[in-house]
Amino acid sequence: MLSIVALITPYKKNGKINWLNLNFLINFHIYNKTNIILLLGTTGESHNFFFLEFLNLLFFVKKYKIKFIFNIFEINIKLIFYKLFLFKKNNFLIILVSLAKFILPNNISIYKYFKILNKFGIKLIFYNIPKRTSKKISFYLFNKIIKKKFFVYIKNSINNLKNNLFFKKKKILIFSGEDKNLNFKNFYFGSISVYNNLFPKTFLYLNKKNIFFIKKNNFDINPVLIKFFLFKNFLIIGINNSLLFGISFFFFTQSQT
């Protein structure tokens, strides 16, 4: 099962990216054999980045020997175009997208949005999360979009059998959109999770064992909790046969608090 970590972007107290800590976290995941790193993929990050910060991040990660995926969540279609052009130019050929706020909740607008994105020749992982975007796509519209091959992967946050069977039948590669969805892990090609920030090697095992406890106590696996542990400069030893320590205090996007 492919493991993709939604990497937390570390910041300094002045709001600038903490490049030293980011380097440490990336190398931590390379060491622990995480398959792919998703950047700007935790709540409150992508749409809080200035364009210059995005450029610096894009050029910074090119030197590492691991695959990166960027998340795009913009309020401006021109910025999306600029970013897609830069991704193509710099050989980042897979991105994660959800329905932007400016897209009207009707079939025509949603279809046109995917059609335009497809013109850049970049593979899309569509983040299907209607509870956050307030836009639910019907099976009829999904049929049209899939037939046109506007995306080949889906990060599906809707946890029901009918929904997963639909995408499985259409031969779409499905990523788990919420950690608790791994109860249906046979449906999934992989997982994109913020949980992986702490336990990259043992994520699936821990998730499976802890799922009952999480449900019973009504806990939500949220980026805030994971960021809190990293913020407190934690030590982990033995679980992954590795030691994560020595990173200085860092901060995270304030929309999480």
Protein backbone atom coordinates (compact mmCIF):
# COMPACT_ATOMS: atom_id res chain seq x y z
CA MET A 1 0.00 0.00 0.00
CA LEU A 2 1.51 3.32 -1.11
CA SER A 3 2.31 5.64 1.78
CA ILE A 4 2.08 9.40 1.19
CA VAL A 5 2.69 11.79 4.08
CA ALA A 6 0.91 15.15 4.15
CA LEU A 7 4.03 16.86 5.45
CA ILE A 8 3.68 19.63 8.00
CA THR A 9 5.39 22.83 6.88
CA PRO A 10 7.47 24.22 9.76
CA TYR A 11 7.55 27.97 10.33
CA LYS A 12 9.63 30.35 12.38
CA LYS A 13 7.98 32.68 14.87
CA ASN A 14 8.11 35.51 12.30
CA GLY A 15 5.97 33.49 9.88
CA LYS A 16 8.81 32.50 7.52
CA ILE A 17 9.46 28.89 6.57
CA ASN A 18 11.93 27.13 8.84
CA TRP A 19 14.13 25.65 6.13
CA LEU A 20 16.44 23.82 8.55
CA ASN A 21 13.55 21.96 10.16
CA LEU A 22 11.97 21.27 6.79
CA ASN A 23 15.21 19.68 5.61
CA PHE A 24 15.27 17.56 8.78
CA LEU A 25 11.67 16.37 8.33
CA ILE A 26 12.16 15.50 4.64
CA ASN A 27 15.28 13.47 5.43
CA PHE A 28 13.40 11.77 8.29
CA HIS A 29 10.84 10.48 5.78
CA ILE A 30 13.48 9.47 3.26
CA TYR A 31 15.17 7.45 6.02
CA ASN A 32 11.86 5.82 6.99
CA LYS A 33 11.10 4.95 3.35
CA THR A 34 7.95 7.02 2.94
CA ASN A 35 6.97 6.63 -0.73
CA ILE A 36 5.91 10.20 -1.55
CA ILE A 37 5.74 13.54 0.28
CA LEU A 38 2.72 15.79 -0.19
CA LEU A 39 3.51 19.47 0.33
CA LEU A 40 0.99 22.13 1.40
CA GLY A 41 -1.47 19.32 2.02
CA THR A 42 -2.52 19.90 5.63
CA THR A 43 -5.43 22.16 6.46
CA GLY A 44 -4.63 25.86 6.34
CA GLU A 45 -1.38 25.67 4.39
CA SER A 46 -1.82 25.89 0.63
CA HIS A 47 -4.13 28.92 0.62
CA ASN A 48 -2.03 30.73 3.26
CA PHE A 49 1.16 30.65 1.19
CA PHE A 50 2.33 33.71 -0.68
CA PHE A 51 3.39 33.01 -4.25
CA LEU A 52 7.07 33.78 -3.53
CA GLU A 53 7.06 31.27 -0.65
CA PHE A 54 5.59 28.70 -2.99
CA LEU A 55 8.38 29.32 -5.52
CA ASN A 56 11.05 29.00 -2.86
CA LEU A 57 9.51 25.73 -1.66
CA LEU A 58 9.28 24.32 -5.18
CA PHE A 59 12.96 25.00 -5.93
CA PHE A 60 14.05 23.88 -2.44
CA VAL A 61 12.64 20.34 -2.73
CA LYS A 62 14.00 19.62 -6.21
CA LYS A 63 17.33 18.47 -4.76
CA TYR A 64 15.90 15.55 -2.74
CA LYS A 65 15.77 11.97 -3.99
CA ILE A 66 12.12 11.38 -3.17
CA LYS A 67 8.93 12.14 -5.08
CA PHE A 68 6.91 15.20 -4.12
CA ILE A 69 3.29 16.11 -4.79
CA PHE A 70 1.96 19.62 -4.28
CA ASN A 71 -1.53 20.49 -3.14
CA ILE A 72 -3.32 23.36 -4.90
CA PHE A 73 -6.13 25.25 -3.25
CA GLU A 74 -6.40 28.76 -4.66
CA ILE A 75 -9.06 31.47 -4.81
CA ASN A 76 -7.72 32.76 -8.12
CA ILE A 77 -7.75 30.77 -11.37
CA LYS A 78 -4.74 32.72 -12.69
CA LEU A 79 -2.63 31.57 -9.75
CA ILE A 80 -3.65 27.99 -10.46
CA PHE A 81 -2.50 28.42 -14.07
CA TYR A 82 0.83 29.91 -12.99
CA LYS A 83 1.45 27.06 -10.60
CA LEU A 84 0.49 24.35 -13.09
CA PHE A 85 2.87 25.90 -15.63
CA LEU A 86 5.70 25.85 -13.06
CA PHE A 87 4.92 22.26 -12.05
CA LYS A 88 5.10 21.16 -15.68
CA LYS A 89 8.30 23.13 -16.27
CA ASN A 90 9.99 21.59 -13.21
CA ASN A 91 8.78 18.01 -13.74
CA PHE A 92 6.31 17.83 -10.85
CA LEU A 93 3.77 15.84 -12.85
CA ILE A 94 1.22 14.84 -10.18
CA ILE A 95 -0.73 17.29 -8.00
CA LEU A 96 -3.56 17.12 -5.49
CA VAL A 97 -6.57 19.36 -6.21
CA SER A 98 -9.99 19.93 -4.71
CA LEU A 99 -12.84 22.05 -5.99
CA ALA A 100 -11.86 25.69 -5.56
CA LYS A 101 -14.12 28.14 -3.76
CA PHE A 102 -14.82 30.15 -6.91
CA ILE A 103 -16.30 27.12 -8.72
CA LEU A 104 -20.08 27.26 -8.85
CA PRO A 105 -21.82 24.13 -7.47
CA ASN A 106 -23.26 23.01 -10.80
CA ASN A 107 -22.29 20.37 -13.35
CA ILE A 108 -21.17 22.78 -16.08
CA SER A 109 -18.80 24.78 -13.87
CA ILE A 110 -17.25 21.70 -12.27
CA TYR A 111 -16.81 19.96 -15.63
CA LYS A 112 -15.13 23.04 -17.16
CA TYR A 113 -12.81 23.32 -14.17
CA PHE A 114 -11.47 19.79 -14.64
CA LYS A 115 -11.29 20.25 -18.41
CA ILE A 116 -9.10 23.33 -18.06
CA LEU A 117 -6.78 21.70 -15.51
CA ASN A 118 -6.39 18.67 -17.77
CA LYS A 119 -4.95 20.82 -20.58
CA PHE A 120 -1.66 21.22 -18.69
CA GLY A 121 -0.87 17.51 -19.02
CA ILE A 122 -0.38 16.94 -15.30
CA LYS A 123 -1.92 13.94 -13.54
CA LEU A 124 -4.48 14.92 -10.94
CA ILE A 125 -5.35 13.38 -7.60
CA PHE A 126 -8.82 14.75 -6.96
CA TYR A 127 -9.54 15.35 -3.28
CA ASN A 128 -13.22 14.53 -2.97
CA ILE A 129 -14.22 16.23 0.28
CA PRO A 130 -17.70 17.79 -0.08
CA LYS A 131 -17.99 18.54 3.64
CA ARG A 132 -15.20 21.10 3.24
CA THR A 133 -15.93 22.43 -0.27
CA SER A 134 -19.76 22.30 0.04
CA LYS A 135 -19.84 20.83 -3.48
CA LYS A 136 -21.02 17.27 -3.95
CA ILE A 137 -20.42 15.69 -7.36
CA SER A 138 -23.08 13.28 -8.61
CA PHE A 139 -22.24 9.85 -10.02
CA TYR A 140 -23.56 11.12 -13.36
CA LEU A 141 -20.99 13.93 -13.46
CA PHE A 142 -18.22 11.66 -12.19
CA ASN A 143 -18.99 9.33 -15.10
CA LYS A 144 -18.44 12.15 -17.60
CA ILE A 145 -15.24 13.37 -15.91
CA ILE A 146 -13.76 9.87 -15.65
CA LYS A 147 -14.67 9.04 -19.24
CA LYS A 148 -12.64 12.07 -20.36
CA LYS A 149 -9.76 10.93 -18.09
CA PHE A 150 -9.58 14.32 -16.39
CA PHE A 151 -8.13 12.57 -13.35
CA VAL A 152 -6.78 9.08 -12.68
CA TYR A 153 -6.52 9.17 -8.87
CA ILE A 154 -8.97 10.17 -6.18
CA LYS A 155 -8.44 10.93 -2.50
CA ASN A 156 -11.86 9.95 -1.26
CA SER A 157 -13.11 11.26 2.07
CA ILE A 158 -16.59 9.76 1.66
CA ASN A 159 -16.59 6.60 3.73
CA ASN A 160 -19.28 4.32 2.33
CA LEU A 161 -19.30 1.08 0.38
CA LYS A 162 -21.34 2.34 -2.59
CA ASN A 163 -18.99 5.26 -3.20
CA ASN A 164 -15.84 3.12 -3.06
CA LEU A 165 -17.35 0.42 -5.29
CA PHE A 166 -18.22 3.04 -7.90
CA PHE A 167 -14.63 4.28 -8.23
CA LYS A 168 -13.22 0.77 -8.04
CA LYS A 169 -15.44 -0.26 -10.94
CA LYS A 170 -14.24 2.75 -12.95
CA LYS A 171 -10.62 1.64 -12.33
CA ILE A 172 -9.75 4.86 -10.56
CA LEU A 173 -6.88 4.48 -8.09
CA ILE A 174 -8.29 5.40 -4.68
CA PHE A 175 -6.36 6.98 -1.82
CA SER A 176 -7.81 7.07 1.66
CA GLY A 177 -9.13 10.56 2.38
CA GLU A 178 -9.51 10.07 6.12
CA ASP A 179 -7.49 7.76 8.34
CA LYS A 180 -10.60 6.07 9.74
CA ASN A 181 -11.50 4.98 6.20
CA LEU A 182 -8.71 2.41 6.38
CA ASN A 183 -11.31 0.02 7.79
CA PHE A 184 -12.03 -0.47 4.06
CA LYS A 185 -8.34 -0.70 3.19
CA ASN A 186 -8.89 -3.30 0.43
CA PHE A 187 -10.37 -0.52 -1.69
CA TYR A 188 -7.34 1.71 -1.46
CA PHE A 189 -4.23 2.00 -3.60
CA GLY A 190 -2.60 4.01 -0.82
CA SER A 191 -3.06 6.50 1.96
CA ILE A 192 -2.42 10.26 2.09
CA SER A 193 -2.23 11.08 5.76
CA VAL A 194 -0.97 13.67 8.22
CA TYR A 195 -0.63 10.83 10.75
CA ASN A 196 2.43 9.62 8.83
CA ASN A 197 4.37 12.62 10.15
CA LEU A 198 4.84 10.75 13.43
CA PHE A 199 4.93 7.06 12.51
CA PRO A 200 5.93 6.63 8.85
CA LYS A 201 6.93 2.96 9.06
CA THR A 202 4.19 1.78 11.40
CA PHE A 203 1.36 4.06 10.30
CA LEU A 204 -0.99 1.39 8.95
CA TYR A 205 -0.43 -0.94 11.90
CA LEU A 206 -1.00 1.79 14.49
CA ASN A 207 -4.00 3.10 12.63
CA LYS A 208 -5.63 -0.32 12.53
CA LYS A 209 -4.99 -0.96 16.24
CA ASN A 210 -6.08 2.49 17.41
CA ILE A 211 -9.16 2.95 15.25
CA PHE A 212 -11.54 1.55 17.90
CA PHE A 213 -10.06 3.77 20.61
CA ILE A 214 -10.29 6.83 18.36
CA LYS A 215 -13.94 6.17 17.51
CA LYS A 216 -14.91 5.33 21.08
CA ASN A 217 -13.48 8.57 22.44
CA ASN A 218 -14.74 10.67 19.53
CA PHE A 219 -11.23 11.80 18.60
CA ASP A 220 -10.58 13.20 15.16
CA ILE A 221 -7.19 12.57 13.59
CA ASN A 222 -6.48 16.20 12.84
CA PRO A 223 -3.35 18.04 11.70
CA VAL A 224 -3.55 20.19 14.84
CA LEU A 225 -2.77 17.23 17.10
CA ILE A 226 0.16 16.06 14.99
CA LYS A 227 1.53 19.59 14.68
CA PHE A 228 1.29 19.95 18.44
CA PHE A 229 3.54 16.95 19.02
CA LEU A 230 6.10 18.21 16.54
CA PHE A 231 5.88 21.71 18.02
CA LYS A 232 6.75 20.32 21.46
CA ASN A 233 10.05 18.98 20.08
CA PHE A 234 9.21 15.34 20.76
CA LEU A 235 11.40 12.25 20.97
CA ILE A 236 10.42 8.98 19.33
CA ILE A 237 12.70 5.99 19.72
CA GLY A 238 12.20 2.29 19.10
CA ILE A 239 8.90 2.44 17.21
CA ASN A 240 10.47 3.09 13.83
CA ASN A 241 13.98 1.96 14.77
CA SER A 242 14.91 5.58 14.41
CA LEU A 243 15.24 8.65 16.56
CA LEU A 244 13.66 11.98 15.73
CA PHE A 245 15.09 14.74 17.88
CA GLY A 246 17.11 17.92 17.93
CA ILE A 247 14.86 20.07 15.76
CA SER A 248 14.29 23.52 17.16
CA PHE A 249 10.83 24.76 18.12
CA PHE A 250 8.70 25.62 15.14
CA PHE A 251 5.23 26.90 14.43
CA PHE A 252 2.46 26.09 11.98
CA THR A 253 -0.39 27.74 10.11
CA GLN A 254 -2.54 29.70 12.51
CA SER A 255 -5.79 28.74 10.77
CA GLN A 256 -5.38 25.44 12.60
CA THR A 257 -5.75 26.97 16.08
